[in-house]
Amino acid sequence: MPYVNIRITKGATKEQKAALIKGATDLLVKILDKNPKTTVVTIDEVDTDNWGIGGESITEIRAKTPKV
C-alpha cells in the first residue's frame, strides 16, 4: 500500500487538491504498477508563517514579491 504525503502552503483550491491526489495516484500506477485502490495520498497544508526559505517566512517573501 503506497502512501504519499504532499506538503504545501495553504491556498490551494479543492479542485487543485483533487488534481494532486489523482496525479500522484496515477503516477504510482504508471511508474510502479501500484493498485490505485490501495494507494493513499494525504495533503498537509502549512500556514505561510510556518514555512521558511533562506531565513524568511513565505509570508514575508510573498509580501515583497510584486504581483503579476
Protein backbone atom coordinates (compact mmCIF):
# COMPACT_ATOMS: atom_id res chain seq x y z
CA MET A 1 0.00 0.00 0.00
CA PRO A 2 1.82 3.13 -1.17
CA TYR A 3 1.50 6.23 0.97
CA VAL A 4 2.22 9.67 -0.48
CA ASN A 5 2.31 12.80 1.68
CA ILE A 6 2.21 16.15 -0.11
CA ARG A 7 3.02 19.22 1.95
CA ILE A 8 2.06 22.62 0.52
CA THR A 9 1.40 26.12 1.79
CA LYS A 10 -2.26 26.98 2.36
CA GLY A 11 -4.23 28.36 -0.53
CA ALA A 12 -4.83 25.50 -2.95
CA THR A 13 -8.40 25.10 -4.14
CA LYS A 14 -10.47 21.96 -3.67
CA GLU A 15 -10.05 21.27 -7.40
CA GLN A 16 -6.26 21.67 -7.23
CA LYS A 17 -6.02 19.27 -4.29
CA ALA A 18 -8.19 16.73 -6.11
CA ALA A 19 -5.85 17.02 -9.13
CA LEU A 20 -2.81 16.46 -6.88
CA ILE A 21 -4.39 13.33 -5.36
CA LYS A 22 -5.33 11.94 -8.77
CA GLY A 23 -1.97 12.85 -10.31
CA ALA A 24 0.08 11.25 -7.53
CA THR A 25 -2.06 8.11 -7.68
CA ASP A 26 -1.82 7.91 -11.47
CA LEU A 27 1.97 8.34 -11.31
CA LEU A 28 2.36 5.41 -8.91
CA VAL A 29 0.11 3.28 -11.10
CA LYS A 30 2.03 4.18 -14.25
CA ILE A 31 5.61 4.03 -12.93
CA LEU A 32 5.42 1.35 -10.23
CA ASP A 33 2.32 -0.58 -11.33
CA LYS A 34 0.65 0.06 -7.96
CA ASN A 35 -3.01 -0.59 -7.31
CA PRO A 36 -4.89 2.74 -7.20
CA LYS A 37 -7.44 1.26 -4.78
CA THR A 38 -4.75 0.81 -2.13
CA THR A 39 -2.77 3.99 -2.83
CA VAL A 40 -3.13 6.59 -0.08
CA VAL A 41 -2.43 10.29 -0.72
CA THR A 42 -2.59 12.91 2.02
CA ILE A 43 -2.14 16.66 1.69
CA ASP A 44 -0.85 18.74 4.60
CA GLU A 45 -1.39 22.46 4.27
CA VAL A 46 1.06 24.62 6.19
CA ASP A 47 0.42 28.26 7.05
CA THR A 48 2.90 30.50 5.23
CA ASP A 49 4.05 31.91 8.60
CA ASN A 50 5.25 28.39 9.45
CA TRP A 51 7.22 27.75 6.25
CA GLY A 52 10.53 29.46 5.63
CA ILE A 53 13.21 29.64 2.97
CA GLY A 54 16.53 31.40 3.32
CA GLY A 55 15.77 32.72 6.79
CA GLU A 56 12.43 34.29 5.86
CA SER A 57 8.87 33.03 6.09
CA ILE A 58 6.89 32.54 2.90
CA THR A 59 4.55 35.27 4.18
CA GLU A 60 7.46 37.75 4.23
CA ILE A 61 8.77 36.63 0.84
CA ARG A 62 5.35 36.91 -0.80
CA ALA A 63 4.82 40.38 0.72
CA LYS A 64 7.99 41.58 -1.05
CA THR A 65 7.25 39.87 -4.35
CA PRO A 66 5.34 42.01 -6.87
CA LYS A 67 2.07 40.51 -8.10
CA VAL A 68 1.95 39.88 -11.83
